[in-house]
Amino acid sequence: MFRTLKRIIKSGLKTFWRNGFLSSSSILTLTITLVISAMLFFGIVVGQKKIESIEKKVDINIYFTTDAPLDKVLDFKKELNKIDGIDLKNTKLLTKEEALKDFKDKNNNDKSLLEALEIIGENPLGPVLNIKTKDLDSYNHIIKFLESDIIQAKYLNIIEKTNYNENKLIIKKIKVFIKYIELLGMVISGVMIFISLIIVYNTIRLIIYSYKEEIQVMRLIGASNFFARGPFLVEGILYGFISGIFALFISWSIIFYSKDILAQISNMDLNRYFSDHILEIAGSLILGGIVISFISTYFTVARYLKIKEEE
């Protein structure tokens, strides 16, 4: 068995080198497919990182009336803290005085606005509850909480306004954007994988036709399907392995030379991410190339041997 396997591998290597041009076309197509798939994956990673940064900025502010009793405001906050997904650490309640100070700090360049506050002479702001969540989905729970009849009846008289309707639209757009990006990535990757399967299929078929007399002789002397099929499967595996290696270096080069641009877009070091996950990425590219090439080669050879048997 070991000797047979050794002969199959040796024969597969010879076939690979003899058909350099055909091999190159298959490797090139597979490499392009893997690079595009890798770039789409990194695009999703960048998108997710960008979304995380947006999640941190998107919040809900509850503006209470100036005469809202502090104890009732605190009761409202306790009710809110019971909702799943609330980021308790970053959800903050600003008192009237803190809200005024925060307002002045944010508008310290607007002299006319600050002068207007001086003319009023008293604090026109009430307490403000700034709500943060652990993820975007949790905002829906907050909105349902705020719109519930119980909360409306109990706290409506102390709530002046909220900004959740504005943020609800932003959250919805972000979710739709994520879905479209993921769907687009799947479609493009699927199309490229299909093209690669077709090209490898035709390449192996041409190679088989050029070796059809040798295959016929092997079948006549009693060679098994495994022995006849083996060299071509080895060749297919080589296509995938080499394509995976090429795709790894090309992808890394693209990321390395565009790292500054990507950092501005996503606020993350994608080159560092690549380095930290090099083993997983390399394994995925090489294994992906081998699987695509092996499947196409297997069915090509199986179909040819079946045709020969029928003849």
C-alpha atoms as a PDB file:
ATOM      1  CA  MET A   1       0.000   0.000   0.000  1.00  0.00           C
ATOM      2  CA  PHE A   2       2.788   2.409   0.919  1.00  0.00           C
ATOM      3  CA  ARG A   3       4.659   1.565  -2.297  1.00  0.00           C
ATOM      4  CA  THR A   4       1.504   2.158  -4.360  1.00  0.00           C
ATOM      5  CA  LEU A   5       0.913   5.484  -2.672  1.00  0.00           C
ATOM      6  CA  LYS A   6       4.538   6.472  -3.317  1.00  0.00           C
ATOM      7  CA  ARG A   7       4.169   5.677  -7.019  1.00  0.00           C
ATOM      8  CA  ILE A   8       0.928   7.652  -7.237  1.00  0.00           C
ATOM      9  CA  ILE A   9       2.513  10.721  -5.636  1.00  0.00           C
ATOM     10  CA  LYS A  10       5.591  10.446  -7.877  1.00  0.00           C
ATOM     11  CA  SER A  11       3.403  10.104 -10.971  1.00  0.00           C
ATOM     12  CA  GLY A  12       1.271  13.053  -9.881  1.00  0.00           C
ATOM     13  CA  LEU A  13       4.342  15.266  -9.456  1.00  0.00           C
ATOM     14  CA  LYS A  14       5.585  14.316 -12.918  1.00  0.00           C
ATOM     15  CA  THR A  15       2.206  15.079 -14.462  1.00  0.00           C
ATOM     16  CA  PHE A  16       2.142  18.426 -12.697  1.00  0.00           C
ATOM     17  CA  TRP A  17       5.547  19.489 -14.067  1.00  0.00           C
ATOM     18  CA  ARG A  18       4.898  18.176 -17.569  1.00  0.00           C
ATOM     19  CA  ASN A  19       1.742  20.260 -17.914  1.00  0.00           C
ATOM     20  CA  GLY A  20       3.247  23.514 -16.715  1.00  0.00           C
ATOM     21  CA  PHE A  21       1.062  25.849 -18.793  1.00  0.00           C
ATOM     22  CA  LEU A  22      -2.221  24.155 -17.886  1.00  0.00           C
ATOM     23  CA  SER A  23      -1.135  23.927 -14.263  1.00  0.00           C
ATOM     24  CA  SER A  24      -0.310  27.628 -14.216  1.00  0.00           C
ATOM     25  CA  SER A  25      -3.745  28.621 -15.505  1.00  0.00           C
ATOM     26  CA  SER A  26      -5.482  26.590 -12.795  1.00  0.00           C
ATOM     27  CA  ILE A  27      -3.176  27.923 -10.075  1.00  0.00           C
ATOM     28  CA  LEU A  28      -3.713  31.501 -11.261  1.00  0.00           C
ATOM     29  CA  THR A  29      -7.492  31.173 -11.203  1.00  0.00           C
ATOM     30  CA  LEU A  30      -7.491  29.507  -7.804  1.00  0.00           C
ATOM     31  CA  THR A  31      -5.123  32.146  -6.434  1.00  0.00           C
ATOM     32  CA  ILE A  32      -7.370  34.981  -7.649  1.00  0.00           C
ATOM     33  CA  THR A  33     -10.391  33.260  -6.109  1.00  0.00           C
ATOM     34  CA  LEU A  34      -8.660  32.835  -2.754  1.00  0.00           C
ATOM     35  CA  VAL A  35      -7.322  36.407  -2.733  1.00  0.00           C
ATOM     36  CA  ILE A  36     -10.778  37.824  -3.493  1.00  0.00           C
ATOM     37  CA  SER A  37     -12.309  35.625  -0.787  1.00  0.00           C
ATOM     38  CA  ALA A  38      -9.626  36.754   1.682  1.00  0.00           C
ATOM     39  CA  MET A  39     -10.190  40.435   0.823  1.00  0.00           C
ATOM     40  CA  LEU A  40     -13.934  40.012   1.290  1.00  0.00           C
ATOM     41  CA  PHE A  41     -13.293  38.393   4.660  1.00  0.00           C
ATOM     42  CA  PHE A  42     -11.053  41.254   5.736  1.00  0.00           C
ATOM     43  CA  GLY A  43     -13.647  43.681   4.424  1.00  0.00           C
ATOM     44  CA  ILE A  44     -16.185  42.097   6.771  1.00  0.00           C
ATOM     45  CA  VAL A  45     -13.668  42.304   9.644  1.00  0.00           C
ATOM     46  CA  VAL A  46     -13.111  46.002   8.917  1.00  0.00           C
ATOM     47  CA  GLY A  47     -16.866  46.543   8.629  1.00  0.00           C
ATOM     48  CA  GLN A  48     -17.512  44.848  11.956  1.00  0.00           C
ATOM     49  CA  LYS A  49     -14.819  46.957  13.607  1.00  0.00           C
ATOM     50  CA  LYS A  50     -16.348  50.092  12.141  1.00  0.00           C
ATOM     51  CA  ILE A  51     -19.764  49.018  13.359  1.00  0.00           C
ATOM     52  CA  GLU A  52     -18.351  48.449  16.847  1.00  0.00           C
ATOM     53  CA  SER A  53     -17.067  52.012  16.879  1.00  0.00           C
ATOM     54  CA  ILE A  54     -20.466  53.271  15.696  1.00  0.00           C
ATOM     55  CA  GLU A  55     -22.180  51.199  18.389  1.00  0.00           C
ATOM     56  CA  LYS A  56     -20.118  53.025  20.997  1.00  0.00           C
ATOM     57  CA  LYS A  57     -21.220  56.388  19.612  1.00  0.00           C
ATOM     58  CA  VAL A  58     -24.892  55.548  19.175  1.00  0.00           C
ATOM     59  CA  ASP A  59     -26.737  56.125  22.414  1.00  0.00           C
ATOM     60  CA  ILE A  60     -30.134  57.139  23.753  1.00  0.00           C
ATOM     61  CA  ASN A  61     -30.562  60.263  25.812  1.00  0.00           C
ATOM     62  CA  ILE A  62     -33.519  60.747  28.136  1.00  0.00           C
ATOM     63  CA  TYR A  63     -34.048  64.446  28.938  1.00  0.00           C
ATOM     64  CA  PHE A  64     -36.024  65.009  32.119  1.00  0.00           C
ATOM     65  CA  THR A  65     -37.953  68.138  33.030  1.00  0.00           C
ATOM     66  CA  THR A  66     -36.226  70.780  35.142  1.00  0.00           C
ATOM     67  CA  ASP A  67     -38.538  70.095  38.077  1.00  0.00           C
ATOM     68  CA  ALA A  68     -38.235  66.301  37.907  1.00  0.00           C
ATOM     69  CA  PRO A  69     -37.627  64.915  41.440  1.00  0.00           C
ATOM     70  CA  LEU A  70     -34.220  63.244  41.626  1.00  0.00           C
ATOM     71  CA  ASP A  71     -35.594  60.241  43.529  1.00  0.00           C
ATOM     72  CA  LYS A  72     -38.116  59.559  40.753  1.00  0.00           C
ATOM     73  CA  VAL A  73     -35.398  59.883  38.133  1.00  0.00           C
ATOM     74  CA  LEU A  74     -33.308  57.361  40.062  1.00  0.00           C
ATOM     75  CA  ASP A  75     -36.323  55.012  40.227  1.00  0.00           C
ATOM     76  CA  PHE A  76     -36.608  55.273  36.441  1.00  0.00           C
ATOM     77  CA  LYS A  77     -32.908  54.400  36.093  1.00  0.00           C
ATOM     78  CA  LYS A  78     -33.348  51.343  38.353  1.00  0.00           C
ATOM     79  CA  GLU A  79     -36.224  50.136  36.160  1.00  0.00           C
ATOM     80  CA  LEU A  80     -34.080  50.640  33.058  1.00  0.00           C
ATOM     81  CA  ASN A  81     -31.116  48.731  34.511  1.00  0.00           C
ATOM     82  CA  LYS A  82     -33.245  45.574  34.614  1.00  0.00           C
ATOM     83  CA  ILE A  83     -33.271  45.397  30.790  1.00  0.00           C
ATOM     84  CA  ASP A  84     -30.928  42.829  29.233  1.00  0.00           C
ATOM     85  CA  GLY A  85     -28.091  44.333  27.221  1.00  0.00           C
ATOM     86  CA  ILE A  86     -27.717  47.590  29.141  1.00  0.00           C
ATOM     87  CA  ASP A  87     -24.082  48.627  29.527  1.00  0.00           C
ATOM     88  CA  LEU A  88     -24.322  49.551  33.198  1.00  0.00           C
ATOM     89  CA  LYS A  89     -20.718  50.716  33.346  1.00  0.00           C
ATOM     90  CA  ASN A  90     -21.141  53.369  30.641  1.00  0.00           C
ATOM     91  CA  THR A  91     -24.775  54.337  31.220  1.00  0.00           C
ATOM     92  CA  LYS A  92     -24.632  57.590  33.161  1.00  0.00           C
ATOM     93  CA  LEU A  93     -27.093  59.908  34.863  1.00  0.00           C
ATOM     94  CA  LEU A  94     -26.213  63.598  34.830  1.00  0.00           C
ATOM     95  CA  THR A  95     -27.784  65.824  37.447  1.00  0.00           C
ATOM     96  CA  LYS A  96     -29.075  69.269  36.476  1.00  0.00           C
ATOM     97  CA  GLU A  97     -25.758  70.845  37.439  1.00  0.00           C
ATOM     98  CA  GLU A  98     -23.699  68.194  35.597  1.00  0.00           C
ATOM     99  CA  ALA A  99     -25.932  68.507  32.515  1.00  0.00           C
ATOM    100  CA  LEU A 100     -25.378  72.279  32.474  1.00  0.00           C
ATOM    101  CA  LYS A 101     -21.614  71.886  32.845  1.00  0.00           C
ATOM    102  CA  ASP A 102     -21.549  69.286  30.066  1.00  0.00           C
ATOM    103  CA  PHE A 103     -23.608  71.565  27.821  1.00  0.00           C
ATOM    104  CA  LYS A 104     -21.224  74.480  28.398  1.00  0.00           C
ATOM    105  CA  ASP A 105     -18.165  72.306  27.716  1.00  0.00           C
ATOM    106  CA  LYS A 106     -19.619  71.116  24.401  1.00  0.00           C
ATOM    107  CA  ASN A 107     -20.559  74.650  23.341  1.00  0.00           C
ATOM    108  CA  ASN A 108     -17.633  76.611  24.776  1.00  0.00           C
ATOM    109  CA  ASN A 109     -16.934  78.176  21.361  1.00  0.00           C
ATOM    110  CA  ASP A 110     -20.471  79.513  20.958  1.00  0.00           C
ATOM    111  CA  LYS A 111     -20.249  82.824  22.843  1.00  0.00           C
ATOM    112  CA  SER A 112     -23.782  83.942  22.020  1.00  0.00           C
ATOM    113  CA  LEU A 113     -25.223  80.749  23.491  1.00  0.00           C
ATOM    114  CA  LEU A 114     -23.169  81.102  26.661  1.00  0.00           C
ATOM    115  CA  GLU A 115     -24.223  84.747  26.976  1.00  0.00           C
ATOM    116  CA  ALA A 116     -27.864  83.691  26.637  1.00  0.00           C
ATOM    117  CA  LEU A 117     -27.404  81.286  29.555  1.00  0.00           C
ATOM    118  CA  GLU A 118     -25.955  84.109  31.630  1.00  0.00           C
ATOM    119  CA  ILE A 119     -28.961  86.324  30.816  1.00  0.00           C
ATOM    120  CA  ILE A 120     -31.403  83.585  31.863  1.00  0.00           C
ATOM    121  CA  GLY A 121     -29.619  83.425  35.188  1.00  0.00           C
ATOM    122  CA  GLU A 122     -30.872  79.975  36.125  1.00  0.00           C
ATOM    123  CA  ASN A 123     -30.277  76.437  34.963  1.00  0.00           C
ATOM    124  CA  PRO A 124     -32.738  75.713  32.116  1.00  0.00           C
ATOM    125  CA  LEU A 125     -31.721  72.034  31.918  1.00  0.00           C
ATOM    126  CA  GLY A 126     -33.035  69.034  33.757  1.00  0.00           C
ATOM    127  CA  PRO A 127     -31.278  65.729  34.534  1.00  0.00           C
ATOM    128  CA  VAL A 128     -30.099  63.697  31.530  1.00  0.00           C
ATOM    129  CA  LEU A 129     -29.797  59.916  31.365  1.00  0.00           C
ATOM    130  CA  ASN A 130     -27.293  58.773  28.736  1.00  0.00           C
ATOM    131  CA  ILE A 131     -27.969  55.100  27.912  1.00  0.00           C
ATOM    132  CA  LYS A 132     -25.393  52.787  26.360  1.00  0.00           C
ATOM    133  CA  THR A 133     -25.946  49.173  25.341  1.00  0.00           C
ATOM    134  CA  LYS A 134     -23.684  46.178  24.748  1.00  0.00           C
ATOM    135  CA  ASP A 135     -24.891  45.723  21.154  1.00  0.00           C
ATOM    136  CA  LEU A 136     -27.256  47.253  18.617  1.00  0.00           C
ATOM    137  CA  ASP A 137     -30.025  44.697  19.161  1.00  0.00           C
ATOM    138  CA  SER A 138     -30.409  45.829  22.771  1.00  0.00           C
ATOM    139  CA  TYR A 139     -31.655  49.238  21.626  1.00  0.00           C
ATOM    140  CA  ASN A 140     -34.902  47.578  20.543  1.00  0.00           C
ATOM    141  CA  HIS A 141     -35.459  46.429  24.143  1.00  0.00           C
ATOM    142  CA  ILE A 142     -34.942  49.984  25.374  1.00  0.00           C
ATOM    143  CA  ILE A 143     -37.359  51.407  22.819  1.00  0.00           C
ATOM    144  CA  LYS A 144     -40.035  48.868  23.806  1.00  0.00           C
ATOM    145  CA  PHE A 145     -39.400  49.746  27.465  1.00  0.00           C
ATOM    146  CA  LEU A 146     -39.816  53.489  26.821  1.00  0.00           C
ATOM    147  CA  GLU A 147     -42.953  52.988  24.716  1.00  0.00           C
ATOM    148  CA  SER A 148     -44.623  50.596  27.173  1.00  0.00           C
ATOM    149  CA  ASP A 149     -47.879  51.792  28.745  1.00  0.00           C
ATOM    150  CA  ILE A 150     -46.617  51.224  32.293  1.00  0.00           C
ATOM    151  CA  ILE A 151     -43.530  53.422  31.857  1.00  0.00           C
ATOM    152  CA  GLN A 152     -45.494  56.069  29.955  1.00  0.00           C
ATOM    153  CA  ALA A 153     -48.094  56.255  32.719  1.00  0.00           C
ATOM    154  CA  LYS A 154     -45.560  56.270  35.556  1.00  0.00           C
ATOM    155  CA  TYR A 155     -42.839  58.566  34.215  1.00  0.00           C
ATOM    156  CA  LEU A 156     -44.341  60.554  31.316  1.00  0.00           C
ATOM    157  CA  ASN A 157     -44.754  63.660  33.474  1.00  0.00           C
ATOM    158  CA  ILE A 158     -41.005  63.885  34.208  1.00  0.00           C
ATOM    159  CA  ILE A 159     -39.678  63.020  30.714  1.00  0.00           C
ATOM    160  CA  GLU A 160     -39.318  66.074  28.511  1.00  0.00           C
ATOM    161  CA  LYS A 161     -37.988  64.351  25.376  1.00  0.00           C
ATOM    162  CA  THR A 162     -35.806  61.527  24.052  1.00  0.00           C
ATOM    163  CA  ASN A 163     -33.616  61.102  20.979  1.00  0.00           C
ATOM    164  CA  TYR A 164     -34.301  57.408  20.400  1.00  0.00           C
ATOM    165  CA  ASN A 165     -36.428  57.966  17.263  1.00  0.00           C
ATOM    166  CA  GLU A 166     -33.432  59.557  15.532  1.00  0.00           C
ATOM    167  CA  ASN A 167     -31.091  56.789  16.620  1.00  0.00           C
ATOM    168  CA  LYS A 168     -33.629  54.096  15.734  1.00  0.00           C
ATOM    169  CA  LEU A 169     -33.231  55.058  12.062  1.00  0.00           C
ATOM    170  CA  ILE A 170     -29.421  54.994  12.316  1.00  0.00           C
ATOM    171  CA  ILE A 171     -29.496  51.566  13.969  1.00  0.00           C
ATOM    172  CA  LYS A 172     -31.809  50.201  11.265  1.00  0.00           C
ATOM    173  CA  LYS A 173     -29.535  51.471   8.476  1.00  0.00           C
ATOM    174  CA  ILE A 174     -26.456  49.920  10.106  1.00  0.00           C
ATOM    175  CA  LYS A 175     -28.140  46.520  10.371  1.00  0.00           C
ATOM    176  CA  VAL A 176     -29.259  46.609   6.728  1.00  0.00           C
ATOM    177  CA  PHE A 177     -25.737  47.621   5.653  1.00  0.00           C
ATOM    178  CA  ILE A 178     -24.216  44.661   7.538  1.00  0.00           C
ATOM    179  CA  LYS A 179     -26.601  42.208   5.879  1.00  0.00           C
ATOM    180  CA  TYR A 180     -25.890  43.557   2.385  1.00  0.00           C
ATOM    181  CA  ILE A 181     -22.124  43.392   2.892  1.00  0.00           C
ATOM    182  CA  GLU A 182     -22.279  39.783   4.094  1.00  0.00           C
ATOM    183  CA  LEU A 183     -24.639  38.786   1.246  1.00  0.00           C
ATOM    184  CA  LEU A 184     -22.448  40.484  -1.356  1.00  0.00           C
ATOM    185  CA  GLY A 185     -19.374  38.708   0.006  1.00  0.00           C
ATOM    186  CA  MET A 186     -21.093  35.337  -0.185  1.00  0.00           C
ATOM    187  CA  VAL A 187     -22.286  35.922  -3.758  1.00  0.00           C
ATOM    188  CA  ILE A 188     -18.899  37.098  -5.072  1.00  0.00           C
ATOM    189  CA  SER A 189     -17.044  34.271  -3.315  1.00  0.00           C
ATOM    190  CA  GLY A 190     -19.568  31.753  -4.637  1.00  0.00           C
ATOM    191  CA  VAL A 191     -19.172  32.987  -8.214  1.00  0.00           C
ATOM    192  CA  MET A 192     -15.368  32.884  -8.025  1.00  0.00           C
ATOM    193  CA  ILE A 193     -15.380  29.394  -6.490  1.00  0.00           C
ATOM    194  CA  PHE A 194     -17.698  28.189  -9.288  1.00  0.00           C
ATOM    195  CA  ILE A 195     -15.372  29.661 -11.934  1.00  0.00           C
ATOM    196  CA  SER A 196     -12.387  27.986 -10.280  1.00  0.00           C
ATOM    197  CA  LEU A 197     -14.182  24.637 -10.211  1.00  0.00           C
ATOM    198  CA  ILE A 198     -14.954  24.904 -13.931  1.00  0.00           C
ATOM    199  CA  ILE A 199     -11.401  25.885 -14.890  1.00  0.00           C
ATOM    200  CA  VAL A 200      -9.770  23.147 -12.789  1.00  0.00           C
ATOM    201  CA  TYR A 201     -12.322  20.685 -14.186  1.00  0.00           C
ATOM    202  CA  ASN A 202     -11.435  21.560 -17.784  1.00  0.00           C
ATOM    203  CA  THR A 203      -7.709  21.606 -17.030  1.00  0.00           C
ATOM    204  CA  ILE A 204      -7.736  18.111 -15.548  1.00  0.00           C
ATOM    205  CA  ARG A 205      -9.950  16.898 -18.379  1.00  0.00           C
ATOM    206  CA  LEU A 206      -7.439  18.120 -20.971  1.00  0.00           C
ATOM    207  CA  ILE A 207      -4.605  16.475 -19.053  1.00  0.00           C
ATOM    208  CA  ILE A 208      -6.541  13.212 -18.819  1.00  0.00           C
ATOM    209  CA  TYR A 209      -7.156  13.219 -22.561  1.00  0.00           C
ATOM    210  CA  SER A 210      -3.435  13.688 -23.174  1.00  0.00           C
ATOM    211  CA  TYR A 211      -2.754  10.655 -20.954  1.00  0.00           C
ATOM    212  CA  LYS A 212      -5.705   8.555 -22.111  1.00  0.00           C
ATOM    213  CA  GLU A 213      -3.520   5.890 -23.741  1.00  0.00           C
ATOM    214  CA  GLU A 214      -1.523   5.416 -20.542  1.00  0.00           C
ATOM    215  CA  ILE A 215      -4.741   5.168 -18.541  1.00  0.00           C
ATOM    216  CA  GLN A 216      -6.122   2.586 -20.968  1.00  0.00           C
ATOM    217  CA  VAL A 217      -2.949   0.511 -20.656  1.00  0.00           C
ATOM    218  CA  MET A 218      -3.165   0.685 -16.836  1.00  0.00           C
ATOM    219  CA  ARG A 219      -6.784  -0.460 -16.947  1.00  0.00           C
ATOM    220  CA  LEU A 220      -5.920  -3.331 -19.314  1.00  0.00           C
ATOM    221  CA  ILE A 221      -3.240  -4.671 -16.984  1.00  0.00           C
ATOM    222  CA  GLY A 222      -5.666  -4.554 -14.061  1.00  0.00           C
ATOM    223  CA  ALA A 223      -4.857  -1.264 -12.375  1.00  0.00           C
ATOM    224  CA  SER A 224      -7.528  -0.166  -9.918  1.00  0.00           C
ATOM    225  CA  ASN A 225      -9.537   3.046 -10.188  1.00  0.00           C
ATOM    226  CA  PHE A 226      -7.592   4.345  -7.190  1.00  0.00           C
ATOM    227  CA  PHE A 227      -4.270   3.901  -8.985  1.00  0.00           C
ATOM    228  CA  ALA A 228      -5.569   5.454 -12.219  1.00  0.00           C
ATOM    229  CA  ARG A 229      -7.212   8.331 -10.396  1.00  0.00           C
ATOM    230  CA  GLY A 230      -4.459   8.959  -7.832  1.00  0.00           C
ATOM    231  CA  PRO A 231      -1.898  10.969  -9.878  1.00  0.00           C
ATOM    232  CA  PHE A 232      -4.552  13.454 -11.006  1.00  0.00           C
ATOM    233  CA  LEU A 233      -5.843  13.884  -7.461  1.00  0.00           C
ATOM    234  CA  VAL A 234      -2.275  14.565  -6.323  1.00  0.00           C
ATOM    235  CA  GLU A 235      -2.002  17.153  -9.070  1.00  0.00           C
ATOM    236  CA  GLY A 236      -5.252  18.778  -7.960  1.00  0.00           C
ATOM    237  CA  ILE A 237      -4.031  18.929  -4.366  1.00  0.00           C
ATOM    238  CA  LEU A 238      -0.833  20.598  -5.572  1.00  0.00           C
ATOM    239  CA  TYR A 239      -2.889  23.232  -7.406  1.00  0.00           C
ATOM    240  CA  GLY A 240      -4.740  24.042  -4.213  1.00  0.00           C
ATOM    241  CA  PHE A 241      -1.657  24.040  -1.981  1.00  0.00           C
ATOM    242  CA  ILE A 242       0.408  26.300  -4.241  1.00  0.00           C
ATOM    243  CA  SER A 243      -2.568  28.623  -4.824  1.00  0.00           C
ATOM    244  CA  GLY A 244      -3.081  28.904  -1.071  1.00  0.00           C
ATOM    245  CA  ILE A 245       0.574  29.874  -0.534  1.00  0.00           C
ATOM    246  CA  PHE A 246       0.448  32.481  -3.310  1.00  0.00           C
ATOM    247  CA  ALA A 247      -2.862  33.868  -2.036  1.00  0.00           C
ATOM    248  CA  LEU A 248      -1.422  34.194   1.476  1.00  0.00           C
ATOM    249  CA  PHE A 249       1.536  36.326   0.350  1.00  0.00           C
ATOM    250  CA  ILE A 250      -0.523  38.403  -2.088  1.00  0.00           C
ATOM    251  CA  SER A 251      -3.188  39.121   0.557  1.00  0.00           C
ATOM    252  CA  TRP A 252      -0.567  40.042   3.123  1.00  0.00           C
ATOM    253  CA  SER A 253       1.166  42.349   0.624  1.00  0.00           C
ATOM    254  CA  ILE A 254      -2.097  44.128  -0.185  1.00  0.00           C
ATOM    255  CA  ILE A 255      -2.881  44.645   3.493  1.00  0.00           C
ATOM    256  CA  PHE A 256       0.672  45.703   4.352  1.00  0.00           C
ATOM    257  CA  TYR A 257       0.860  48.390   1.651  1.00  0.00           C
ATOM    258  CA  SER A 258      -2.653  49.689   2.310  1.00  0.00           C
ATOM    259  CA  LYS A 259      -2.509  49.500   6.122  1.00  0.00           C
ATOM    260  CA  ASP A 260      -2.499  53.292   6.574  1.00  0.00           C
ATOM    261  CA  ILE A 261      -5.633  53.751   4.464  1.00  0.00           C
ATOM    262  CA  LEU A 262      -7.370  50.842   6.199  1.00  0.00           C
ATOM    263  CA  ALA A 263      -6.437  52.258   9.601  1.00  0.00           C
ATOM    264  CA  GLN A 264      -8.169  55.543   8.728  1.00  0.00           C
ATOM    265  CA  ILE A 265     -11.301  53.708   7.580  1.00  0.00           C
ATOM    266  CA  SER A 266     -11.612  51.180  10.374  1.00  0.00           C
ATOM    267  CA  ASN A 267      -9.507  52.563  13.246  1.00  0.00           C
ATOM    268  CA  MET A 268      -7.772  49.188  13.473  1.00  0.00           C
ATOM    269  CA  ASP A 269      -4.370  47.801  12.513  1.00  0.00           C
ATOM    270  CA  LEU A 270      -5.369  45.156   9.963  1.00  0.00           C
ATOM    271  CA  ASN A 271      -1.739  44.239   9.384  1.00  0.00           C
ATOM    272  CA  ARG A 272      -1.425  43.446  13.096  1.00  0.00           C
ATOM    273  CA  TYR A 273      -4.650  41.446  12.909  1.00  0.00           C
ATOM    274  CA  PHE A 274      -3.193  39.456   9.976  1.00  0.00           C
ATOM    275  CA  SER A 275       0.010  38.768  11.908  1.00  0.00           C
ATOM    276  CA  ASP A 276      -1.859  37.680  15.032  1.00  0.00           C
ATOM    277  CA  HIS A 277      -4.048  35.268  13.052  1.00  0.00           C
ATOM    278  CA  ILE A 278      -1.466  34.159  10.473  1.00  0.00           C
ATOM    279  CA  LEU A 279      -1.831  30.439  11.222  1.00  0.00           C
ATOM    280  CA  GLU A 280      -5.628  30.464  10.945  1.00  0.00           C
ATOM    281  CA  ILE A 281      -5.547  32.564   7.755  1.00  0.00           C
ATOM    282  CA  ALA A 282      -2.808  30.468   6.131  1.00  0.00           C
ATOM    283  CA  GLY A 283      -4.595  27.243   7.048  1.00  0.00           C
ATOM    284  CA  SER A 284      -7.920  28.527   5.700  1.00  0.00           C
ATOM    285  CA  LEU A 285      -6.430  29.668   2.377  1.00  0.00           C
ATOM    286  CA  ILE A 286      -4.413  26.500   1.793  1.00  0.00           C
ATOM    287  CA  LEU A 287      -7.213  24.185   2.906  1.00  0.00           C
ATOM    288  CA  GLY A 288      -9.748  26.164   0.872  1.00  0.00           C
ATOM    289  CA  GLY A 289      -7.598  25.900  -2.262  1.00  0.00           C
ATOM    290  CA  ILE A 290      -7.051  22.158  -1.753  1.00  0.00           C
ATOM    291  CA  VAL A 291     -10.754  21.471  -1.170  1.00  0.00           C
ATOM    292  CA  ILE A 292     -11.882  23.419  -4.252  1.00  0.00           C
ATOM    293  CA  SER A 293      -9.260  21.817  -6.489  1.00  0.00           C
ATOM    294  CA  PHE A 294      -9.713  18.310  -5.034  1.00  0.00           C
ATOM    295  CA  ILE A 295     -13.492  18.324  -5.510  1.00  0.00           C
ATOM    296  CA  SER A 296     -13.233  19.468  -9.119  1.00  0.00           C
ATOM    297  CA  THR A 297     -10.432  16.973  -9.890  1.00  0.00           C
ATOM    298  CA  TYR A 298     -12.235  14.075  -8.212  1.00  0.00           C
ATOM    299  CA  PHE A 299     -15.425  14.498 -10.222  1.00  0.00           C
ATOM    300  CA  THR A 300     -13.505  15.059 -13.470  1.00  0.00           C
ATOM    301  CA  VAL A 301     -11.524  11.829 -13.090  1.00  0.00           C
ATOM    302  CA  ALA A 302     -14.548   9.886 -11.819  1.00  0.00           C
ATOM    303  CA  ARG A 303     -16.580  10.974 -14.848  1.00  0.00           C
ATOM    304  CA  TYR A 304     -13.802  10.050 -17.282  1.00  0.00           C
ATOM    305  CA  LEU A 305     -13.280   6.591 -15.771  1.00  0.00           C
ATOM    306  CA  LYS A 306     -17.035   5.999 -15.828  1.00  0.00           C
ATOM    307  CA  ILE A 307     -17.145   6.904 -19.525  1.00  0.00           C
ATOM    308  CA  LYS A 308     -14.268   4.534 -20.242  1.00  0.00           C
ATOM    309  CA  GLU A 309     -16.012   1.715 -18.407  1.00  0.00           C
ATOM    310  CA  GLU A 310     -19.164   2.246 -20.482  1.00  0.00           C
ATOM    311  CA  GLU A 311     -17.109   2.195 -23.681  1.00  0.00           C
END
